[in-house]
């Protein structure tokens, strides 16, 4: 599929910005550490499902030190409604230990250091860097991957290819919020099975053969 024209990309993000000037992620968190834990928990799970479990967890432990005191068994009890909770509980304890030992209990602001933590891949690192620290990263999950290929914004066969495409095509002024605009568009409008093309802000710019 051919990519979108530069002027259409500009117009696409102009419309997103006019519709929602300050888009926000939908995961509940209170600081960079709880955001990191929430994003790790959201892998292969919905934000809604994660948000049901995390308020009580974060009330009990909102720092790596408190999470270590809570311990793996009690973390499991808090997150047992979330898929893969056994593995995720282990990873949360491991990453908390690493934050205490290597980073003074703080969440690092480097992708490489984040990816070195248990349960943290490139997408998770990009989400944390974008939301917690305002870095203009592109976190390509299922929604972004679909939207970027379907619209022609940044076609690619892998999430990394799409991410690299976005880095080239997204205008500088839109980079901070691009990830949120695209994920919300994919979640609520450009849905996997039945995209709402009739109610879409950008349907005249899109390459999708309806």
N, C-alpha and C. Protein backbone atom coordinates (compact mmCIF):
# COMPACT_ATOMS: atom_id res chain seq x y z
N UNK A 1 0.84 -1.19 0.00
CA UNK A 1 0.00 0.00 0.00
C UNK A 1 0.88 1.25 0.00
N UNK A 2 0.51 2.25 -0.81
CA UNK A 2 1.27 3.49 -0.84
C UNK A 2 1.04 4.28 0.44
N UNK A 3 2.05 5.03 0.83
CA UNK A 3 1.91 5.85 2.02
C UNK A 3 1.04 7.08 1.76
N UNK A 4 0.60 7.72 2.84
CA UNK A 4 -0.20 8.94 2.71
C UNK A 4 0.69 10.09 2.25
N UNK A 5 0.10 11.05 1.55
CA UNK A 5 0.84 12.24 1.14
C UNK A 5 1.12 13.11 2.36
N UNK A 6 2.22 13.85 2.27
CA UNK A 6 2.64 14.67 3.41
C UNK A 6 1.54 15.64 3.84
N UNK A 7 0.88 16.27 2.88
CA UNK A 7 -0.16 17.24 3.22
C UNK A 7 -1.35 16.56 3.91
N UNK A 8 -1.62 15.30 3.52
CA UNK A 8 -2.71 14.56 4.16
C UNK A 8 -2.35 14.14 5.59
N UNK A 9 -1.08 13.81 5.80
CA UNK A 9 -0.62 13.47 7.15
C UNK A 9 -0.76 14.69 8.06
N UNK A 10 -0.34 15.86 7.56
CA UNK A 10 -0.48 17.11 8.33
C UNK A 10 -1.94 17.36 8.68
N UNK A 11 -2.81 17.18 7.69
CA UNK A 11 -4.24 17.42 7.90
C UNK A 11 -4.83 16.42 8.89
N UNK A 12 -4.40 15.17 8.79
CA UNK A 12 -4.87 14.12 9.70
C UNK A 12 -4.60 14.51 11.16
N UNK A 13 -3.36 14.89 11.44
CA UNK A 13 -3.01 15.24 12.82
C UNK A 13 -3.62 16.58 13.24
N UNK A 14 -3.80 17.49 12.29
CA UNK A 14 -4.46 18.76 12.61
C UNK A 14 -5.89 18.49 13.10
N UNK A 15 -6.58 17.55 12.43
CA UNK A 15 -7.95 17.21 12.84
C UNK A 15 -7.97 16.51 14.20
N UNK A 16 -7.03 15.58 14.40
CA UNK A 16 -6.95 14.91 15.71
C UNK A 16 -6.72 15.93 16.82
N UNK A 17 -5.83 16.90 16.57
CA UNK A 17 -5.50 17.91 17.58
C UNK A 17 -6.69 18.82 17.87
N UNK A 18 -7.42 19.18 16.81
CA UNK A 18 -8.60 20.04 17.00
C UNK A 18 -9.68 19.31 17.80
N UNK A 19 -9.81 18.02 17.56
CA UNK A 19 -10.84 17.22 18.23
C UNK A 19 -10.48 16.91 19.68
N UNK A 20 -9.17 16.71 19.95
CA UNK A 20 -8.73 16.30 21.29
C UNK A 20 -7.31 16.86 21.52
N UNK A 21 -7.22 18.12 21.97
CA UNK A 21 -5.91 18.78 22.04
C UNK A 21 -4.91 18.13 23.01
N UNK A 22 -5.41 17.53 24.09
CA UNK A 22 -4.52 16.92 25.10
C UNK A 22 -4.94 15.47 25.36
N UNK A 23 -4.70 14.56 24.42
CA UNK A 23 -5.15 13.17 24.61
C UNK A 23 -4.40 12.52 25.76
N UNK A 24 -5.09 11.65 26.46
CA UNK A 24 -4.48 10.97 27.62
C UNK A 24 -4.61 9.45 27.47
N UNK A 25 -3.64 8.74 28.05
CA UNK A 25 -3.76 7.30 28.14
C UNK A 25 -4.88 6.92 29.10
N UNK A 26 -5.37 5.71 29.00
CA UNK A 26 -6.52 5.31 29.81
C UNK A 26 -6.16 4.42 31.01
N UNK A 27 -4.87 4.14 31.19
CA UNK A 27 -4.46 3.36 32.35
C UNK A 27 -4.39 4.24 33.59
N UNK A 28 -4.86 3.71 34.72
CA UNK A 28 -4.77 4.40 36.00
C UNK A 28 -3.34 4.31 36.53
N UNK A 29 -2.78 5.45 36.97
CA UNK A 29 -1.46 5.43 37.60
C UNK A 29 -1.31 6.70 38.43
N UNK A 30 -0.32 6.72 39.32
CA UNK A 30 -0.12 7.88 40.20
C UNK A 30 1.28 8.48 40.07
N UNK A 31 2.22 7.75 39.50
CA UNK A 31 3.60 8.24 39.34
C UNK A 31 4.28 7.37 38.26
N UNK A 32 5.51 7.69 37.85
CA UNK A 32 6.14 6.89 36.80
C UNK A 32 6.24 5.40 37.13
N UNK A 33 6.46 5.07 38.40
CA UNK A 33 6.56 3.66 38.78
C UNK A 33 5.23 2.93 38.61
N UNK A 34 4.15 3.51 39.09
CA UNK A 34 2.85 2.84 38.94
C UNK A 34 2.43 2.78 37.48
N UNK A 35 2.84 3.77 36.69
CA UNK A 35 2.58 3.71 35.24
C UNK A 35 3.31 2.51 34.63
N UNK A 36 4.59 2.35 34.98
CA UNK A 36 5.37 1.23 34.47
C UNK A 36 4.70 -0.11 34.82
N UNK A 37 4.28 -0.25 36.07
CA UNK A 37 3.62 -1.50 36.50
C UNK A 37 2.32 -1.70 35.73
N UNK A 38 1.54 -0.64 35.58
CA UNK A 38 0.26 -0.75 34.87
C UNK A 38 0.46 -1.17 33.42
N UNK A 39 1.49 -0.62 32.76
CA UNK A 39 1.74 -0.97 31.35
C UNK A 39 2.21 -2.42 31.24
N UNK A 40 3.05 -2.87 32.17
CA UNK A 40 3.46 -4.28 32.19
C UNK A 40 2.23 -5.18 32.36
N UNK A 41 1.32 -4.79 33.24
CA UNK A 41 0.11 -5.58 33.47
C UNK A 41 -0.82 -5.58 32.25
N UNK A 42 -0.75 -4.54 31.43
CA UNK A 42 -1.70 -4.41 30.32
C UNK A 42 -1.35 -5.27 29.11
N UNK A 43 -0.17 -5.91 29.12
CA UNK A 43 0.19 -6.79 28.00
C UNK A 43 -0.82 -7.92 27.89
N UNK A 44 -1.39 -8.10 26.70
CA UNK A 44 -2.41 -9.13 26.45
C UNK A 44 -3.58 -9.02 27.44
N UNK A 45 -3.90 -7.80 27.83
CA UNK A 45 -5.06 -7.53 28.70
C UNK A 45 -5.63 -6.18 28.30
N UNK A 46 -6.84 -5.88 28.74
CA UNK A 46 -7.44 -4.59 28.41
C UNK A 46 -7.11 -3.57 29.49
N UNK A 47 -7.10 -2.29 29.10
CA UNK A 47 -6.87 -1.24 30.09
C UNK A 47 -7.96 -1.27 31.16
N UNK A 48 -9.20 -1.52 30.75
CA UNK A 48 -10.31 -1.57 31.72
C UNK A 48 -10.07 -2.65 32.76
N UNK A 49 -9.64 -3.82 32.30
CA UNK A 49 -9.38 -4.93 33.21
C UNK A 49 -8.25 -4.61 34.19
N UNK A 50 -7.21 -3.95 33.67
CA UNK A 50 -6.08 -3.57 34.52
C UNK A 50 -6.53 -2.52 35.54
N UNK A 51 -7.34 -1.56 35.09
CA UNK A 51 -7.78 -0.48 35.97
C UNK A 51 -8.67 -0.97 37.12
N UNK A 52 -9.29 -2.12 36.96
CA UNK A 52 -10.09 -2.68 38.07
C UNK A 52 -9.20 -3.20 39.18
N UNK A 53 -8.01 -3.70 38.80
CA UNK A 53 -7.13 -4.35 39.77
C UNK A 53 -6.13 -3.39 40.42
N UNK A 54 -5.72 -2.34 39.71
CA UNK A 54 -4.57 -1.57 40.20
C UNK A 54 -4.84 -0.57 41.32
N UNK A 55 -6.04 0.02 41.46
CA UNK A 55 -6.19 0.99 42.56
C UNK A 55 -5.84 0.40 43.93
N UNK A 56 -6.31 -0.81 44.21
CA UNK A 56 -6.00 -1.43 45.51
C UNK A 56 -4.52 -1.80 45.60
N UNK A 57 -3.95 -2.28 44.47
CA UNK A 57 -2.53 -2.62 44.46
C UNK A 57 -1.68 -1.37 44.73
N UNK A 58 -2.00 -0.27 44.04
CA UNK A 58 -1.19 0.94 44.19
C UNK A 58 -1.42 1.64 45.53
N UNK A 59 -2.59 1.42 46.12
CA UNK A 59 -2.82 1.95 47.48
C UNK A 59 -1.89 1.24 48.47
N UNK A 60 -1.62 -0.03 48.21
CA UNK A 60 -0.74 -0.82 49.08
C UNK A 60 0.73 -0.61 48.74
N UNK A 61 1.04 -0.37 47.46
CA UNK A 61 2.45 -0.28 47.04
C UNK A 61 2.57 0.61 45.81
N UNK A 62 3.03 1.84 46.03
CA UNK A 62 3.21 2.77 44.90
C UNK A 62 4.67 3.13 44.67
N UNK A 63 5.58 2.36 45.29
CA UNK A 63 7.02 2.51 45.03
C UNK A 63 7.62 1.11 44.93
N UNK A 64 8.80 0.99 44.31
CA UNK A 64 9.43 -0.33 44.22
C UNK A 64 9.69 -0.95 45.60
N UNK A 65 10.12 -0.13 46.56
CA UNK A 65 10.39 -0.66 47.90
C UNK A 65 9.15 -1.23 48.56
N UNK A 66 8.03 -0.51 48.44
CA UNK A 66 6.77 -1.00 49.03
C UNK A 66 6.29 -2.27 48.33
N UNK A 67 6.53 -2.34 47.00
CA UNK A 67 6.10 -3.53 46.25
C UNK A 67 6.90 -4.75 46.71
N UNK A 68 8.18 -4.56 46.96
CA UNK A 68 9.01 -5.67 47.44
C UNK A 68 8.53 -6.14 48.82
N UNK A 69 8.15 -5.19 49.68
CA UNK A 69 7.63 -5.56 51.01
C UNK A 69 6.30 -6.30 50.89
N UNK A 70 5.50 -5.89 49.91
CA UNK A 70 4.20 -6.55 49.69
C UNK A 70 4.42 -8.02 49.33
N UNK A 71 5.41 -8.29 48.47
CA UNK A 71 5.78 -9.66 48.12
C UNK A 71 4.94 -10.25 47.00
N UNK A 72 5.52 -11.24 46.35
CA UNK A 72 4.91 -11.82 45.14
C UNK A 72 3.53 -12.41 45.41
N UNK A 73 3.36 -13.12 46.51
CA UNK A 73 2.07 -13.78 46.78
C UNK A 73 0.94 -12.77 46.89
N UNK A 74 1.20 -11.65 47.60
CA UNK A 74 0.13 -10.64 47.75
C UNK A 74 -0.08 -9.85 46.45
N UNK A 75 0.99 -9.66 45.68
CA UNK A 75 0.82 -9.02 44.36
C UNK A 75 -0.11 -9.88 43.51
N UNK A 76 0.12 -11.19 43.53
CA UNK A 76 -0.74 -12.12 42.76
C UNK A 76 -2.21 -11.98 43.16
N UNK A 77 -2.45 -11.86 44.46
CA UNK A 77 -3.84 -11.75 44.92
C UNK A 77 -4.51 -10.49 44.36
N UNK A 78 -3.73 -9.39 44.28
CA UNK A 78 -4.28 -8.15 43.77
C UNK A 78 -4.58 -8.22 42.27
N UNK A 79 -3.76 -8.97 41.53
CA UNK A 79 -3.88 -8.92 40.05
C UNK A 79 -4.44 -10.22 39.46
N UNK A 80 -5.04 -11.05 40.29
CA UNK A 80 -5.45 -12.39 39.81
C UNK A 80 -6.53 -12.33 38.73
N UNK A 81 -7.22 -11.19 38.57
CA UNK A 81 -8.24 -11.07 37.52
C UNK A 81 -7.63 -10.74 36.16
N UNK A 82 -6.32 -10.48 36.12
CA UNK A 82 -5.65 -10.09 34.88
C UNK A 82 -4.95 -11.32 34.28
N UNK A 83 -5.03 -11.46 32.96
CA UNK A 83 -4.40 -12.59 32.28
C UNK A 83 -2.91 -12.68 32.57
N UNK A 84 -2.40 -13.90 32.65
CA UNK A 84 -0.97 -14.17 32.89
C UNK A 84 -0.48 -13.58 34.21
N UNK A 85 -1.37 -13.56 35.23
CA UNK A 85 -1.04 -12.85 36.47
C UNK A 85 0.15 -13.47 37.21
N UNK A 86 0.36 -14.79 37.09
CA UNK A 86 1.50 -15.41 37.78
C UNK A 86 2.84 -14.86 37.26
N UNK A 87 2.97 -14.86 35.93
CA UNK A 87 4.20 -14.35 35.31
C UNK A 87 4.35 -12.86 35.57
N UNK A 88 3.25 -12.13 35.47
CA UNK A 88 3.31 -10.67 35.66
C UNK A 88 3.70 -10.32 37.10
N UNK A 89 3.21 -11.07 38.07
CA UNK A 89 3.59 -10.81 39.47
C UNK A 89 5.09 -11.02 39.66
N UNK A 90 5.61 -12.11 39.08
CA UNK A 90 7.07 -12.36 39.16
C UNK A 90 7.85 -11.20 38.55
N UNK A 91 7.40 -10.75 37.37
CA UNK A 91 8.10 -9.66 36.68
C UNK A 91 8.04 -8.36 37.47
N UNK A 92 6.90 -8.09 38.11
CA UNK A 92 6.77 -6.85 38.89
C UNK A 92 7.75 -6.85 40.07
N UNK A 93 7.87 -7.99 40.73
CA UNK A 93 8.84 -8.10 41.83
C UNK A 93 10.27 -7.96 41.31
N UNK A 94 10.56 -8.63 40.20
CA UNK A 94 11.92 -8.55 39.62
C UNK A 94 12.27 -7.13 39.19
N UNK A 95 11.35 -6.47 38.50
CA UNK A 95 11.66 -5.13 38.02
C UNK A 95 11.77 -4.15 39.19
N UNK A 96 10.97 -4.37 40.24
CA UNK A 96 11.05 -3.51 41.43
C UNK A 96 12.40 -3.67 42.10
N UNK A 97 12.87 -4.92 42.19
CA UNK A 97 14.19 -5.20 42.76
C UNK A 97 15.29 -4.49 41.96
N UNK A 98 15.17 -4.57 40.64
CA UNK A 98 16.17 -3.94 39.77
C UNK A 98 16.15 -2.42 39.92
N UNK A 99 14.96 -1.84 40.05
CA UNK A 99 14.86 -0.38 40.21
C UNK A 99 15.53 0.06 41.51
N UNK A 100 15.32 -0.72 42.57
CA UNK A 100 15.95 -0.39 43.86
C UNK A 100 17.47 -0.54 43.78
N UNK A 101 17.91 -1.66 43.19
CA UNK A 101 19.35 -1.97 43.19
C UNK A 101 20.14 -1.13 42.19
N UNK A 102 19.53 -0.86 41.01
CA UNK A 102 20.30 -0.22 39.94
C UNK A 102 19.98 1.27 39.75
N UNK A 103 18.79 1.69 40.17
CA UNK A 103 18.34 3.04 39.81
C UNK A 103 17.85 3.85 41.01
N UNK A 104 18.24 3.44 42.21
CA UNK A 104 17.84 4.20 43.40
C UNK A 104 16.34 4.31 43.60
N UNK A 105 15.62 3.30 43.10
CA UNK A 105 14.17 3.28 43.26
C UNK A 105 13.41 4.16 42.27
N UNK A 106 14.15 4.76 41.33
CA UNK A 106 13.51 5.64 40.33
C UNK A 106 13.36 4.90 38.99
N UNK A 107 12.36 5.31 38.21
CA UNK A 107 12.18 4.74 36.87
C UNK A 107 13.14 5.47 35.91
N UNK A 108 14.01 4.74 35.21
CA UNK A 108 14.97 5.40 34.31
C UNK A 108 14.27 6.02 33.10
N UNK A 109 14.91 7.06 32.56
CA UNK A 109 14.33 7.76 31.40
C UNK A 109 15.04 7.37 30.11
N UNK A 110 15.54 6.14 30.06
CA UNK A 110 16.24 5.65 28.87
C UNK A 110 15.59 4.35 28.41
N UNK A 111 15.37 4.24 27.10
CA UNK A 111 14.72 3.04 26.57
C UNK A 111 15.53 1.79 26.87
N UNK A 112 16.84 1.85 26.69
CA UNK A 112 17.68 0.67 26.94
C UNK A 112 17.59 0.22 28.39
N UNK A 113 17.63 1.16 29.32
CA UNK A 113 17.54 0.80 30.73
C UNK A 113 16.16 0.25 31.09
N UNK A 114 15.13 0.80 30.48
CA UNK A 114 13.78 0.26 30.72
C UNK A 114 13.64 -1.15 30.16
N UNK A 115 14.15 -1.36 28.94
CA UNK A 115 14.03 -2.68 28.31
C UNK A 115 14.84 -3.76 29.03
N UNK A 116 15.78 -3.33 29.87
CA UNK A 116 16.56 -4.30 30.65
C UNK A 116 15.77 -4.84 31.85
N UNK A 117 14.60 -4.22 32.13
CA UNK A 117 13.78 -4.64 33.28
C UNK A 117 12.88 -5.82 32.89
N UNK A 118 12.58 -6.67 33.86
CA UNK A 118 11.74 -7.85 33.61
C UNK A 118 10.36 -7.43 33.11
N UNK A 119 9.91 -8.08 32.04
CA UNK A 119 8.56 -7.84 31.53
C UNK A 119 8.41 -6.59 30.69
N UNK A 120 9.52 -5.88 30.44
CA UNK A 120 9.44 -4.61 29.70
C UNK A 120 10.04 -4.78 28.30
N UNK A 121 9.20 -4.65 27.28
CA UNK A 121 9.64 -4.67 25.90
C UNK A 121 9.67 -3.26 25.33
N UNK A 122 9.94 -3.17 24.05
CA UNK A 122 10.07 -1.85 23.41
C UNK A 122 8.78 -1.02 23.51
N UNK A 123 7.64 -1.68 23.29
CA UNK A 123 6.38 -0.94 23.34
C UNK A 123 6.14 -0.38 24.74
N UNK A 124 6.33 -1.21 25.77
CA UNK A 124 6.13 -0.76 27.15
C UNK A 124 7.06 0.40 27.46
N UNK A 125 8.33 0.26 27.08
CA UNK A 125 9.31 1.34 27.32
C UNK A 125 8.86 2.62 26.64
N UNK A 126 8.39 2.53 25.40
CA UNK A 126 7.95 3.72 24.67
C UNK A 126 6.75 4.38 25.34
N UNK A 127 5.81 3.59 25.84
CA UNK A 127 4.64 4.15 26.54
C UNK A 127 5.09 4.94 27.76
N UNK A 128 5.98 4.35 28.56
CA UNK A 128 6.45 5.01 29.79
C UNK A 128 7.21 6.28 29.46
N UNK A 129 8.09 6.22 28.47
CA UNK A 129 8.86 7.41 28.08
C UNK A 129 7.95 8.53 27.59
N UNK A 130 6.89 8.16 26.88
CA UNK A 130 5.98 9.16 26.34
C UNK A 130 5.11 9.78 27.44
N UNK A 131 4.45 8.93 28.24
CA UNK A 131 3.47 9.43 29.20
C UNK A 131 4.14 10.03 30.44
N UNK A 132 5.12 9.31 30.98
CA UNK A 132 5.74 9.77 32.23
C UNK A 132 6.73 10.90 32.01
N UNK A 133 7.44 10.87 30.89
CA UNK A 133 8.55 11.80 30.70
C UNK A 133 8.41 12.71 29.48
N UNK A 134 7.28 12.61 28.76
CA UNK A 134 7.02 13.53 27.66
C UNK A 134 7.90 13.35 26.44
N UNK A 135 8.54 12.17 26.32
CA UNK A 135 9.38 11.94 25.14
C UNK A 135 8.49 11.58 23.94
N UNK A 136 8.84 12.03 22.73
CA UNK A 136 7.98 11.84 21.56
C UNK A 136 8.12 10.44 20.94
N UNK A 137 7.91 9.42 21.76
CA UNK A 137 8.07 8.04 21.28
C UNK A 137 6.77 7.52 20.66
N UNK A 138 6.89 6.49 19.85
CA UNK A 138 5.73 5.87 19.19
C UNK A 138 5.63 4.42 19.67
N UNK A 139 4.66 4.15 20.50
CA UNK A 139 4.48 2.80 21.05
C UNK A 139 3.51 2.03 20.16
N UNK A 140 4.03 1.11 19.36
CA UNK A 140 3.20 0.43 18.37
C UNK A 140 2.68 -0.89 18.92
N UNK A 141 1.40 -0.88 19.31
CA UNK A 141 0.69 -2.09 19.69
C UNK A 141 -0.29 -2.46 18.59
N UNK A 142 -1.28 -3.27 18.93
CA UNK A 142 -2.20 -3.76 17.89
C UNK A 142 -2.99 -2.63 17.24
N UNK A 143 -3.44 -1.65 18.03
CA UNK A 143 -4.26 -0.57 17.47
C UNK A 143 -3.43 0.29 16.51
N UNK A 144 -2.24 0.70 16.95
CA UNK A 144 -1.41 1.53 16.06
C UNK A 144 -0.99 0.77 14.82
N UNK A 145 -0.64 -0.49 14.99
CA UNK A 145 -0.22 -1.29 13.84
C UNK A 145 -1.33 -1.34 12.79
N UNK A 146 -2.56 -1.57 13.25
CA UNK A 146 -3.70 -1.64 12.33
C UNK A 146 -3.97 -0.29 11.67
N UNK A 147 -4.04 0.77 12.47
CA UNK A 147 -4.37 2.09 11.93
C UNK A 147 -3.32 2.57 10.93
N UNK A 148 -2.05 2.35 11.26
CA UNK A 148 -0.98 2.83 10.38
C UNK A 148 -0.95 2.09 9.05
N UNK A 149 -1.29 0.80 9.08
CA UNK A 149 -1.34 0.03 7.83
C UNK A 149 -2.62 0.31 7.06
N UNK A 150 -3.73 0.40 7.76
CA UNK A 150 -5.02 0.57 7.09
C UNK A 150 -5.12 1.94 6.43
N UNK A 151 -4.66 2.98 7.12
CA UNK A 151 -4.78 4.34 6.57
C UNK A 151 -3.72 4.64 5.53
N UNK A 152 -2.59 3.92 5.60
CA UNK A 152 -1.45 4.26 4.75
C UNK A 152 -0.51 5.25 5.41
N UNK A 153 -0.75 5.59 6.69
CA UNK A 153 0.09 6.56 7.39
C UNK A 153 1.53 6.08 7.50
N UNK A 154 1.70 4.83 7.94
CA UNK A 154 3.06 4.27 8.08
C UNK A 154 2.98 2.76 7.90
N UNK A 155 2.79 2.31 6.65
CA UNK A 155 2.66 0.86 6.42
C UNK A 155 3.94 0.12 6.81
N UNK A 156 3.78 -1.07 7.34
CA UNK A 156 4.94 -1.88 7.70
C UNK A 156 4.51 -3.27 8.10
N UNK A 157 5.41 -4.25 7.92
CA UNK A 157 5.07 -5.64 8.22
C UNK A 157 5.32 -6.00 9.68
N UNK A 158 6.07 -5.17 10.40
CA UNK A 158 6.35 -5.44 11.81
C UNK A 158 6.10 -4.17 12.61
N UNK A 159 5.85 -4.31 13.92
CA UNK A 159 5.69 -3.11 14.75
C UNK A 159 6.88 -2.16 14.67
N UNK A 160 8.09 -2.71 14.61
CA UNK A 160 9.28 -1.85 14.52
C UNK A 160 9.30 -1.07 13.21
N UNK A 161 8.91 -1.73 12.12
CA UNK A 161 8.87 -1.04 10.81
C UNK A 161 7.85 0.11 10.85
N UNK A 162 6.71 -0.15 11.48
CA UNK A 162 5.68 0.90 11.61
C UNK A 162 6.21 2.05 12.48
N UNK A 163 6.88 1.69 13.58
CA UNK A 163 7.44 2.73 14.47
C UNK A 163 8.43 3.61 13.70
N UNK A 164 9.32 2.98 12.93
CA UNK A 164 10.30 3.74 12.16
C UNK A 164 9.61 4.61 11.10
N UNK A 165 8.53 4.06 10.51
CA UNK A 165 7.76 4.84 9.54
C UNK A 165 7.12 6.07 10.16
N UNK A 166 6.58 5.89 11.37
CA UNK A 166 5.97 7.02 12.08
C UNK A 166 7.00 8.09 12.41
N UNK A 167 8.20 7.66 12.79
CA UNK A 167 9.25 8.62 13.13
C UNK A 167 9.60 9.50 11.93
N UNK A 168 9.42 8.94 10.72
CA UNK A 168 9.72 9.71 9.51
C UNK A 168 8.55 10.59 9.08
N UNK A 169 7.31 10.11 9.30
CA UNK A 169 6.16 10.79 8.70
C UNK A 169 5.41 11.74 9.62
N UNK A 170 5.43 11.50 10.93
CA UNK A 170 4.65 12.36 11.84
C UNK A 170 5.31 13.73 11.94
N UNK A 171 4.54 14.81 11.74
CA UNK A 171 5.12 16.15 11.84
C UNK A 171 5.69 16.39 13.25
N UNK A 172 6.73 17.21 13.33
CA UNK A 172 7.38 17.47 14.62
C UNK A 172 6.39 17.94 15.68
N UNK A 173 5.48 18.83 15.30
CA UNK A 173 4.57 19.42 16.29
C UNK A 173 3.60 18.38 16.87
N UNK A 174 3.40 17.27 16.15
CA UNK A 174 2.41 16.26 16.57
C UNK A 174 3.04 15.07 17.28
N UNK A 175 4.36 15.02 17.37
CA UNK A 175 5.03 13.80 17.84
C UNK A 175 4.71 13.47 19.30
N UNK A 176 4.55 14.48 20.13
CA UNK A 176 4.31 14.22 21.56
C UNK A 176 3.02 13.42 21.76
N UNK A 177 1.97 13.78 21.01
CA UNK A 177 0.65 13.17 21.23
C UNK A 177 0.24 12.14 20.17
N UNK A 178 1.07 11.94 19.17
CA UNK A 178 0.67 11.07 18.04
C UNK A 178 0.27 9.68 18.51
N UNK A 179 1.04 9.10 19.40
CA UNK A 179 0.77 7.74 19.89
C UNK A 179 -0.63 7.66 20.51
N UNK A 180 -1.01 8.69 21.30
CA UNK A 180 -2.33 8.67 21.94
C UNK A 180 -3.46 8.88 20.94
N UNK A 181 -3.28 9.84 20.03
CA UNK A 181 -4.33 10.05 19.03
C UNK A 181 -4.60 8.77 18.23
N UNK A 182 -3.53 8.10 17.85
CA UNK A 182 -3.67 6.90 17.01
C UNK A 182 -4.26 5.72 17.79
N UNK A 183 -3.85 5.56 19.05
CA UNK A 183 -4.39 4.42 19.82
C UNK A 183 -5.87 4.63 20.11
N UNK A 184 -6.26 5.85 20.44
CA UNK A 184 -7.68 6.13 20.71
C UNK A 184 -8.50 6.00 19.43
N UNK A 185 -7.93 6.42 18.30
CA UNK A 185 -8.62 6.28 17.01
C UNK A 185 -8.84 4.79 16.70
N UNK A 186 -7.81 3.98 16.94
CA UNK A 186 -7.92 2.54 16.69
C UNK A 186 -8.88 1.84 17.64
N UNK A 187 -8.92 2.30 18.88
CA UNK A 187 -9.76 1.66 19.90
C UNK A 187 -11.25 1.96 19.69
N UNK A 188 -11.55 3.20 19.27
CA UNK A 188 -12.96 3.62 19.24
C UNK A 188 -13.54 3.86 17.85
N UNK A 189 -12.71 4.07 16.85
CA UNK A 189 -13.23 4.37 15.50
C UNK A 189 -12.75 3.34 14.48
N UNK A 190 -11.43 3.24 14.32
CA UNK A 190 -10.86 2.34 13.31
C UNK A 190 -10.69 0.94 13.91
N UNK A 191 -11.81 0.38 14.34
CA UNK A 191 -11.79 -0.90 15.06
C UNK A 191 -11.45 -2.06 14.12
N UNK A 192 -10.99 -3.15 14.72
CA UNK A 192 -10.47 -4.26 13.92
C UNK A 192 -11.52 -4.85 13.00
N UNK A 193 -12.65 -5.26 13.57
CA UNK A 193 -13.63 -6.00 12.76
C UNK A 193 -14.58 -5.09 12.01
N UNK A 194 -14.98 -3.99 12.64
CA UNK A 194 -15.99 -3.15 12.00
C UNK A 194 -15.62 -1.68 12.18
N UNK A 195 -14.70 -1.18 11.36
CA UNK A 195 -14.33 0.22 11.50
C UNK A 195 -15.51 1.15 11.22
N UNK A 196 -15.61 2.23 12.01
CA UNK A 196 -16.70 3.19 11.85
C UNK A 196 -16.29 4.26 10.83
N UNK A 197 -16.21 3.85 9.57
CA UNK A 197 -15.74 4.77 8.53
C UNK A 197 -16.68 5.97 8.39
N UNK A 198 -17.98 5.75 8.59
CA UNK A 198 -18.95 6.84 8.43
C UNK A 198 -18.73 7.93 9.48
N UNK A 199 -18.28 7.52 10.68
CA UNK A 199 -18.08 8.50 11.74
C UNK A 199 -16.63 8.90 11.92
N UNK A 200 -15.81 8.66 10.91
CA UNK A 200 -14.36 8.87 11.04
C UNK A 200 -13.95 10.29 10.62
N UNK A 201 -13.13 10.91 11.43
CA UNK A 201 -12.63 12.28 11.16
C UNK A 201 -11.77 12.37 9.91
N UNK A 202 -11.14 11.25 9.55
CA UNK A 202 -10.12 11.31 8.50
C UNK A 202 -10.46 10.40 7.31
N UNK A 203 -11.75 10.05 7.15
CA UNK A 203 -12.07 9.05 6.12
C UNK A 203 -11.75 9.52 4.70
N UNK A 204 -11.70 10.82 4.47
CA UNK A 204 -11.37 11.31 3.12
C UNK A 204 -9.86 11.31 2.87
N UNK A 205 -9.05 11.08 3.92
CA UNK A 205 -7.59 11.06 3.77
C UNK A 205 -7.04 9.65 3.74
N UNK A 206 -7.90 8.68 4.06
CA UNK A 206 -7.47 7.32 4.37
C UNK A 206 -7.39 6.45 3.10
N UNK A 207 -6.42 5.52 3.10
CA UNK A 207 -6.22 4.62 1.94
C UNK A 207 -7.07 3.35 1.99
N UNK A 208 -7.79 3.14 3.11
CA UNK A 208 -8.53 1.89 3.31
C UNK A 208 -9.63 1.73 2.25
N UNK A 209 -9.64 0.56 1.62
CA UNK A 209 -10.69 0.30 0.64
C UNK A 209 -11.91 -0.20 1.39
N UNK A 210 -12.87 0.68 1.58
CA UNK A 210 -14.01 0.41 2.47
C UNK A 210 -14.89 -0.68 1.87
